[in-house]
PDB file of all heavy atoms in Angstrom:
ATOM      1  N   ARG A   1     120.598 104.836 150.140  1.00  0.00           N
ATOM      2  CA  ARG A   1     120.764 104.922 148.681  1.00  0.00           C
ATOM      3  C   ARG A   1     119.942 106.118 148.127  1.00  0.00           C
ATOM      4  O   ARG A   1     118.783 106.285 148.502  1.00  0.00           O
ATOM      5  CB  ARG A   1     120.278 103.666 148.030  1.00  0.00           C
ATOM      6  CG  ARG A   1     121.231 102.472 148.242  1.00  0.00           C
ATOM      7  CD  ARG A   1     120.739 101.253 147.503  1.00  0.00           C
ATOM      8  NE  ARG A   1     119.374 100.879 147.899  1.00  0.00           N
ATOM      9  CZ  ARG A   1     118.702  99.848 147.316  1.00  0.00           C
ATOM     10  NH1 ARG A   1     119.255  99.174 146.357  1.00  0.00           N
ATOM     11  NH2 ARG A   1     117.492  99.595 147.761  1.00  0.00           N
ATOM     12  N   LYS A   2     120.537 106.901 147.227  1.00  0.00           N
ATOM     13  CA  LYS A   2     119.854 108.022 146.561  1.00  0.00           C
ATOM     14  C   LYS A   2     119.917 107.802 145.111  1.00  0.00           C
ATOM     15  O   LYS A   2     120.903 107.270 144.589  1.00  0.00           O
ATOM     16  CB  LYS A   2     120.535 109.342 146.954  1.00  0.00           C
ATOM     17  CG  LYS A   2     120.386 109.731 148.425  1.00  0.00           C
ATOM     18  CD  LYS A   2     121.005 111.059 148.683  1.00  0.00           C
ATOM     19  CE  LYS A   2     120.867 111.455 150.142  1.00  0.00           C
ATOM     20  NZ  LYS A   2     121.471 112.745 150.435  1.00  0.00           N
ATOM     21  N   GLU A   3     118.804 108.160 144.462  1.00  0.00           N
ATOM     22  CA  GLU A   3     118.717 108.001 143.039  1.00  0.00           C
ATOM     23  C   GLU A   3     119.771 108.914 142.333  1.00  0.00           C
ATOM     24  O   GLU A   3     119.776 110.119 142.568  1.00  0.00           O
ATOM     25  CB  GLU A   3     117.304 108.288 142.495  1.00  0.00           C
ATOM     26  CG  GLU A   3     117.116 107.973 141.035  1.00  0.00           C
ATOM     27  CD  GLU A   3     115.707 108.248 140.620  1.00  0.00           C
ATOM     28  OE1 GLU A   3     114.895 108.656 141.478  1.00  0.00           O
ATOM     29  OE2 GLU A   3     115.405 108.082 139.425  1.00  0.00           O
ATOM     30  N   LYS A   4     120.521 108.314 141.477  1.00  0.00           N
ATOM     31  CA  LYS A   4     121.634 109.095 140.801  1.00  0.00           C
ATOM     32  C   LYS A   4     121.224 109.512 139.418  1.00  0.00           C
ATOM     33  O   LYS A   4     120.670 108.726 138.656  1.00  0.00           O
ATOM     34  CB  LYS A   4     122.903 108.217 140.740  1.00  0.00           C
ATOM     35  CG  LYS A   4     124.098 108.917 140.130  1.00  0.00           C
ATOM     36  CD  LYS A   4     125.289 107.963 140.122  1.00  0.00           C
ATOM     37  CE  LYS A   4     126.500 108.652 139.506  1.00  0.00           C
ATOM     38  NZ  LYS A   4     127.685 107.768 139.507  1.00  0.00           N
ATOM     39  N   LYS A   5     121.415 110.787 139.071  1.00  0.00           N
ATOM     40  CA  LYS A   5     121.097 111.322 137.750  1.00  0.00           C
ATOM     41  C   LYS A   5     122.377 111.383 136.931  1.00  0.00           C
ATOM     42  O   LYS A   5     123.423 111.929 137.421  1.00  0.00           O
ATOM     43  CB  LYS A   5     120.514 112.768 137.898  1.00  0.00           C
ATOM     44  CG  LYS A   5     119.222 112.831 138.750  1.00  0.00           C
ATOM     45  CD  LYS A   5     118.093 112.003 138.135  1.00  0.00           C
ATOM     46  CE  LYS A   5     116.843 112.159 139.005  1.00  0.00           C
ATOM     47  NZ  LYS A   5     115.729 111.351 138.458  1.00  0.00           N
ATOM     48  N   ARG A   6     122.327 110.788 135.778  1.00  0.00           N
ATOM     49  CA  ARG A   6     123.490 110.747 134.910  1.00  0.00           C
ATOM     50  C   ARG A   6     123.654 112.038 134.131  1.00  0.00           C
ATOM     51  O   ARG A   6     122.649 112.698 133.784  1.00  0.00           O
ATOM     52  CB  ARG A   6     123.374 109.557 133.946  1.00  0.00           C
ATOM     53  CG  ARG A   6     123.351 108.197 134.674  1.00  0.00           C
ATOM     54  CD  ARG A   6     123.367 107.061 133.707  1.00  0.00           C
ATOM     55  NE  ARG A   6     123.424 105.777 134.423  1.00  0.00           N
ATOM     56  CZ  ARG A   6     124.532 105.227 134.887  1.00  0.00           C
ATOM     57  NH1 ARG A   6     125.688 105.806 134.704  1.00  0.00           N
ATOM     58  NH2 ARG A   6     124.468 104.097 135.521  1.00  0.00           N
ATOM     59  N   LYS A   7     124.838 112.418 133.887  1.00  0.00           N
ATOM     60  CA  LYS A   7     125.166 113.663 133.163  1.00  0.00           C
ATOM     61  C   LYS A   7     125.595 113.335 131.709  1.00  0.00           C
ATOM     62  O   LYS A   7     126.087 112.235 131.419  1.00  0.00           O
ATOM     63  CB  LYS A   7     126.296 114.432 133.817  1.00  0.00           C
ATOM     64  CG  LYS A   7     125.971 114.791 135.281  1.00  0.00           C
ATOM     65  CD  LYS A   7     124.775 115.752 135.382  1.00  0.00           C
ATOM     66  CE  LYS A   7     124.474 116.096 136.789  1.00  0.00           C
ATOM     67  NZ  LYS A   7     123.305 117.020 136.881  1.00  0.00           N
ATOM     68  N   TYR A   8     125.390 114.304 130.856  1.00  0.00           N
ATOM     69  CA  TYR A   8     125.765 114.113 129.473  1.00  0.00           C
ATOM     70  C   TYR A   8     127.209 114.500 129.261  1.00  0.00           C
ATOM     71  O   TYR A   8     127.707 115.501 129.814  1.00  0.00           O
ATOM     72  CB  TYR A   8     124.864 115.000 128.589  1.00  0.00           C
ATOM     73  CG  TYR A   8     125.232 114.946 127.107  1.00  0.00           C
ATOM     74  CD1 TYR A   8     124.854 113.879 126.303  1.00  0.00           C
ATOM     75  CD2 TYR A   8     126.013 115.996 126.508  1.00  0.00           C
ATOM     76  CE1 TYR A   8     125.195 113.818 124.967  1.00  0.00           C
ATOM     77  CE2 TYR A   8     126.348 115.918 125.199  1.00  0.00           C
ATOM     78  CZ  TYR A   8     125.945 114.867 124.415  1.00  0.00           C
ATOM     79  OH  TYR A   8     126.316 114.811 123.095  1.00  0.00           O
ATOM     80  N   ASP A   9     127.852 113.701 128.412  1.00  0.00           N
ATOM     81  CA  ASP A   9     129.270 113.944 128.074  1.00  0.00           C
ATOM     82  C   ASP A   9     129.349 114.221 126.577  1.00  0.00           C
ATOM     83  O   ASP A   9     128.679 113.583 125.777  1.00  0.00           O
ATOM     84  CB  ASP A   9     130.124 112.709 128.415  1.00  0.00           C
ATOM     85  CG  ASP A   9     131.617 113.040 128.379  1.00  0.00           C
ATOM     86  OD1 ASP A   9     131.961 113.982 127.612  1.00  0.00           O
ATOM     87  OD2 ASP A   9     132.417 112.379 129.062  1.00  0.00           O
ATOM     88  N   SER A  10     130.152 115.217 126.240  1.00  0.00           N
ATOM     89  CA  SER A  10     130.256 115.594 124.836  1.00  0.00           C
ATOM     90  C   SER A  10     130.809 114.459 123.950  1.00  0.00           C
ATOM     91  O   SER A  10     130.613 114.445 122.726  1.00  0.00           O
ATOM     92  CB  SER A  10     131.156 116.851 124.693  1.00  0.00           C
ATOM     93  OG  SER A  10     132.452 116.609 125.213  1.00  0.00           O
ATOM     94  N   ASP A  11     131.505 113.513 124.568  1.00  0.00           N
ATOM     95  CA  ASP A  11     132.016 112.378 123.799  1.00  0.00           C
ATOM     96  C   ASP A  11     130.918 111.464 123.311  1.00  0.00           C
ATOM     97  O   ASP A  11     131.119 110.666 122.395  1.00  0.00           O
ATOM     98  CB  ASP A  11     133.033 111.556 124.652  1.00  0.00           C
ATOM     99  CG  ASP A  11     134.271 112.367 124.964  1.00  0.00           C
ATOM    100  OD1 ASP A  11     134.549 113.295 124.191  1.00  0.00           O
ATOM    101  OD2 ASP A  11     134.985 112.017 125.958  1.00  0.00           O
ATOM    102  N   TYR A  12     129.707 111.639 123.875  1.00  0.00           N
ATOM    103  CA  TYR A  12     128.591 110.746 123.450  1.00  0.00           C
ATOM    104  C   TYR A  12     128.156 111.082 122.065  1.00  0.00           C
ATOM    105  O   TYR A  12     127.441 110.273 121.392  1.00  0.00           O
ATOM    106  CB  TYR A  12     127.404 110.902 124.413  1.00  0.00           C
ATOM    107  CG  TYR A  12     127.625 110.362 125.810  1.00  0.00           C
ATOM    108  CD1 TYR A  12     126.864 110.719 126.881  1.00  0.00           C
ATOM    109  CD2 TYR A  12     128.676 109.446 126.027  1.00  0.00           C
ATOM    110  CE1 TYR A  12     127.091 110.217 128.138  1.00  0.00           C
ATOM    111  CE2 TYR A  12     128.915 108.927 127.286  1.00  0.00           C
ATOM    112  CZ  TYR A  12     128.103 109.335 128.335  1.00  0.00           C
ATOM    113  OH  TYR A  12     128.355 108.788 129.607  1.00  0.00           O
ATOM    114  N   LEU A  13     128.533 112.263 121.530  1.00  0.00           N
ATOM    115  CA  LEU A  13     128.170 112.589 120.151  1.00  0.00           C
ATOM    116  C   LEU A  13     128.818 111.680 119.160  1.00  0.00           C
ATOM    117  O   LEU A  13     128.296 111.433 118.063  1.00  0.00           O
ATOM    118  CB  LEU A  13     128.549 114.056 119.866  1.00  0.00           C
ATOM    119  CG  LEU A  13     128.054 114.640 118.550  1.00  0.00           C
ATOM    120  CD1 LEU A  13     126.514 114.578 118.432  1.00  0.00           C
ATOM    121  CD2 LEU A  13     128.499 116.081 118.368  1.00  0.00           C
ATOM    122  N   GLN A  14     129.978 111.069 119.558  1.00  0.00           N
ATOM    123  CA  GLN A  14     130.647 110.086 118.633  1.00  0.00           C
ATOM    124  C   GLN A  14     129.761 108.861 118.452  1.00  0.00           C
ATOM    125  O   GLN A  14     129.910 108.122 117.489  1.00  0.00           O
ATOM    126  CB  GLN A  14     131.983 109.739 119.180  1.00  0.00           C
ATOM    127  CG  GLN A  14     132.995 110.881 119.202  1.00  0.00           C
ATOM    128  CD  GLN A  14     134.336 110.474 119.783  1.00  0.00           C
ATOM    129  OE1 GLN A  14     134.502 109.331 120.269  1.00  0.00           O
ATOM    130  NE2 GLN A  14     135.291 111.384 119.720  1.00  0.00           N
ATOM    131  N   LEU A  15     128.866 108.609 119.449  1.00  0.00           N
ATOM    132  CA  LEU A  15     128.010 107.495 119.375  1.00  0.00           C
ATOM    133  C   LEU A  15     126.614 107.848 118.795  1.00  0.00           C
ATOM    134  O   LEU A  15     125.707 107.072 118.697  1.00  0.00           O
ATOM    135  CB  LEU A  15     127.749 106.924 120.773  1.00  0.00           C
ATOM    136  CG  LEU A  15     128.993 106.416 121.488  1.00  0.00           C
ATOM    137  CD1 LEU A  15     128.680 105.996 122.917  1.00  0.00           C
ATOM    138  CD2 LEU A  15     129.695 105.289 120.718  1.00  0.00           C
ATOM    139  N   GLY A  16     126.539 109.159 118.287  1.00  0.00           N
ATOM    140  CA  GLY A  16     125.318 109.589 117.665  1.00  0.00           C
ATOM    141  C   GLY A  16     124.218 110.109 118.562  1.00  0.00           C
ATOM    142  O   GLY A  16     123.066 110.158 118.192  1.00  0.00           O
ATOM    143  N   PHE A  17     124.642 110.600 119.793  1.00  0.00           N
ATOM    144  CA  PHE A  17     123.632 111.080 120.737  1.00  0.00           C
ATOM    145  C   PHE A  17     123.991 112.439 121.247  1.00  0.00           C
ATOM    146  O   PHE A  17     125.129 112.749 121.535  1.00  0.00           O
ATOM    147  CB  PHE A  17     123.539 110.116 121.949  1.00  0.00           C
ATOM    148  CG  PHE A  17     122.664 108.938 121.689  1.00  0.00           C
ATOM    149  CD1 PHE A  17     123.160 107.764 121.113  1.00  0.00           C
ATOM    150  CD2 PHE A  17     121.325 108.973 122.022  1.00  0.00           C
ATOM    151  CE1 PHE A  17     122.353 106.697 120.864  1.00  0.00           C
ATOM    152  CE2 PHE A  17     120.533 107.877 121.749  1.00  0.00           C
ATOM    153  CZ  PHE A  17     120.999 106.748 121.199  1.00  0.00           C
ATOM    154  N   HIS A  18     122.947 113.304 121.259  1.00  0.00           N
ATOM    155  CA  HIS A  18     122.987 114.606 121.935  1.00  0.00           C
ATOM    156  C   HIS A  18     121.997 114.516 123.118  1.00  0.00           C
ATOM    157  O   HIS A  18     121.528 113.467 123.426  1.00  0.00           O
ATOM    158  CB  HIS A  18     122.597 115.698 120.947  1.00  0.00           C
ATOM    159  CG  HIS A  18     122.867 117.100 121.462  1.00  0.00           C
ATOM    160  ND1 HIS A  18     124.062 117.504 121.870  1.00  0.00           N
ATOM    161  CD2 HIS A  18     121.986 118.127 121.604  1.00  0.00           C
ATOM    162  CE1 HIS A  18     124.008 118.789 122.273  1.00  0.00           C
ATOM    163  NE2 HIS A  18     122.760 119.171 122.116  1.00  0.00           N
ATOM    164  N   PHE A  19     121.778 115.645 123.792  1.00  0.00           N
ATOM    165  CA  PHE A  19     120.886 115.583 124.948  1.00  0.00           C
ATOM    166  C   PHE A  19     119.724 116.605 124.725  1.00  0.00           C
ATOM    167  O   PHE A  19     119.836 117.566 123.991  1.00  0.00           O
ATOM    168  CB  PHE A  19     121.592 115.857 126.267  1.00  0.00           C
ATOM    169  CG  PHE A  19     121.958 117.351 126.461  1.00  0.00           C
ATOM    170  CD1 PHE A  19     121.104 118.172 127.156  1.00  0.00           C
ATOM    171  CD2 PHE A  19     123.124 117.853 125.931  1.00  0.00           C
ATOM    172  CE1 PHE A  19     121.447 119.474 127.338  1.00  0.00           C
ATOM    173  CE2 PHE A  19     123.472 119.198 126.078  1.00  0.00           C
ATOM    174  CZ  PHE A  19     122.629 119.990 126.795  1.00  0.00           C
ATOM    175  N   THR A  20     118.639 116.369 125.396  1.00  0.00           N
ATOM    176  CA  THR A  20     117.511 117.268 125.420  1.00  0.00           C
ATOM    177  C   THR A  20     116.955 117.311 126.850  1.00  0.00           C
ATOM    178  O   THR A  20     117.209 116.473 127.666  1.00  0.00           O
ATOM    179  CB  THR A  20     116.398 116.765 124.447  1.00  0.00           C
ATOM    180  OG1 THR A  20     115.363 117.720 124.399  1.00  0.00           O
ATOM    181  CG2 THR A  20     115.846 115.432 124.904  1.00  0.00           C
ATOM    182  N   GLY A  21     116.165 118.360 127.083  1.00  0.00           N
ATOM    183  CA  GLY A  21     115.560 118.509 128.396  1.00  0.00           C
ATOM    184  C   GLY A  21     116.445 119.340 129.300  1.00  0.00           C
ATOM    185  O   GLY A  21     117.359 120.048 128.885  1.00  0.00           O
ATOM    186  N   ASP A  22     116.182 119.252 130.612  1.00  0.00           N
ATOM    187  CA  ASP A  22     116.889 120.018 131.646  1.00  0.00           C
ATOM    188  C   ASP A  22     118.312 119.472 131.810  1.00  0.00           C
ATOM    189  O   ASP A  22     118.529 118.263 131.760  1.00  0.00           O
ATOM    190  CB  ASP A  22     116.151 119.934 132.971  1.00  0.00           C
ATOM    191  CG  ASP A  22     116.719 120.909 134.004  1.00  0.00           C
ATOM    192  OD1 ASP A  22     117.611 121.664 133.631  1.00  0.00           O
ATOM    193  OD2 ASP A  22     116.203 120.937 135.141  1.00  0.00           O
ATOM    194  N   GLU A  23     119.257 120.379 131.984  1.00  0.00           N
ATOM    195  CA  GLU A  23     120.656 119.964 132.144  1.00  0.00           C
ATOM    196  C   GLU A  23     120.874 119.165 133.407  1.00  0.00           C
ATOM    197  O   GLU A  23     121.775 118.360 133.523  1.00  0.00           O
ATOM    198  CB  GLU A  23     121.582 121.145 132.122  1.00  0.00           C
ATOM    199  CG  GLU A  23     121.670 121.838 130.783  1.00  0.00           C
ATOM    200  CD  GLU A  23     122.645 122.956 130.765  1.00  0.00           C
ATOM    201  OE1 GLU A  23     123.262 123.223 131.832  1.00  0.00           O
ATOM    202  OE2 GLU A  23     122.866 123.606 129.690  1.00  0.00           O
ATOM    203  N   SER A  24     120.067 119.392 134.432  1.00  0.00           N
ATOM    204  CA  SER A  24     120.177 118.626 135.684  1.00  0.00           C
ATOM    205  C   SER A  24     119.729 117.175 135.490  1.00  0.00           C
ATOM    206  O   SER A  24     120.155 116.287 136.232  1.00  0.00           O
ATOM    207  CB  SER A  24     119.341 119.300 136.797  1.00  0.00           C
ATOM    208  OG  SER A  24     117.960 119.333 136.461  1.00  0.00           O
ATOM    209  N   GLU A  25     118.855 116.949 134.559  1.00  0.00           N
ATOM    210  CA  GLU A  25     118.392 115.599 134.260  1.00  0.00           C
ATOM    211  C   GLU A  25     118.290 115.433 132.732  1.00  0.00           C
ATOM    212  O   GLU A  25     117.151 115.378 132.161  1.00  0.00           O
ATOM    213  CB  GLU A  25     117.060 115.291 134.920  1.00  0.00           C
ATOM    214  CG  GLU A  25     116.618 113.851 134.842  1.00  0.00           C
ATOM    215  CD  GLU A  25     115.284 113.581 135.545  1.00  0.00           C
ATOM    216  OE1 GLU A  25     114.775 114.544 136.201  1.00  0.00           O
ATOM    217  OE2 GLU A  25     114.765 112.491 135.437  1.00  0.00           O
TER     218      GLU A  25
END
């Protein structure tokens, strides 16, 4: 098992969320 890093999706902005920090995490 390897720890999985989730990616940001532009559709998340409809839920009121953007992203911050490194794009890899």
